[in-house]
């Protein structure tokens, strides 16, 4: 049946009136009663609940603010909803004009903040996130939770390797094989390649968690060693194999180098070779940590020399364990305490006189200027503070100590880490070889036979 134009207009009016009446009967608020918060427009029902919700993308605003002292700073402003649903106006300093000389640079720096405040949005701008923006976002949201040394290490690999090569590329443009080929082409050490991969994987895991992208192209997410459950390798493949084994010293070499050192440096080597502590733990050692009555060391802190110096917690819970004190170590420490200008309980055992005891000695400088030259005089190069830790693990294994004892002495969290520190010496392997062959041939000679090939 065909309708005339007049009939069509009348019918449309009836439908419109019917629709408005039905909506009012369902208690839907008018447009003017819509609720805006956190970039979200919500149309409420009178009896509670939401008819629909639409998330809007917030660009925010960047403004330059003058300060009474110092250069002007760029400030980023946006709206945010608090825990009670109240709309608040937020602002955050991006940086000063010396760091970001123009508004374009300040807006680029604010991109990482836009990712955070628009996390619930499906706007296409989130799909155009680059590696540079992702790194800035990671630096604000995730990196501060990590240890200071980890923060500096991640920053170095990101700024020197990852951002220069991949910074302008969008997340969906990063391909597994391309990253793998790039790492191999750098010709960096295997350990460096593995660490770059680790940082890139951490960035993409962060992006997946915040829903900036759907998958991590760097890592499959399946732990190595899962056996048949692992399936085909789907992540970037690089080797972390060392190009050479870590240096281990013999007891004779340690004893010989002690004769080449002054008393303070003798005590440093004696302590590290006898305890196997990490460099930071050795620097953080204070007189209050030395229990001379019970002959024990209470290792509770480590020292981080960068960023002006920080006394921080030990690497792990397992690291904060006491260590025994040999009578020889006790006598040496008491002698040093009698000579030191800083001998109060809260003072560092090896305090810096140049810094008036406020910080410990710079052990990296002591190693370079005092200890390495002493080893070089006896024909040994490549010694570092961690060399003594590897030496302790190897010597304890040669002495027949149980693996669990070695783990607890080195204060590792698990045996897998301890195994990396254990290495049989040539003498030990030769003795094992002789025992094995003697088990087959006690006389050491093959039996005579009349068989001819």
Foldseek 3Di string as FASTA:
>chain_A
DDDDPVVVVVVVVVVVVVVVVVVVVQQWDDPVPWDDALQKTFGAHPVGDTPDIAHHQDLFDWDWAQDPDDAIWIKTWDWHADPVRDIDIDIDTQGGCVVVVDPVSSSVSCLLVSCVSRLVHPDCVLLQDFPQSLVSVCLPPPLVVDDPVVSVVLVCLCVVPPCVVGGNHGPVVDAQVVLLVVLVVVPDFLQSSVVNLVSLQVSVVVCCVSVSDPDRQAAPPDDPPPPPVVPDGRHRDTDNDHPDAFDADDPVLLVQLLVVADLVVSLLSVVCLVQVADPQQLFQFFQLQQDLVQQKGQRFWGWDPPPPIDTGGDPDPLNRDMDGHDPVSSVSLVVQLVVDPDNDRNFTSQADVVVPRPGHDPVVVCCVPTRQVSSVVVPDHDDDSNNSNLNNLQVCVVVVDDLVVSCSSNSPPDSVVSVSSHDHDPVRVVVVVVVVVCVVPVPNDDDDDPDDD
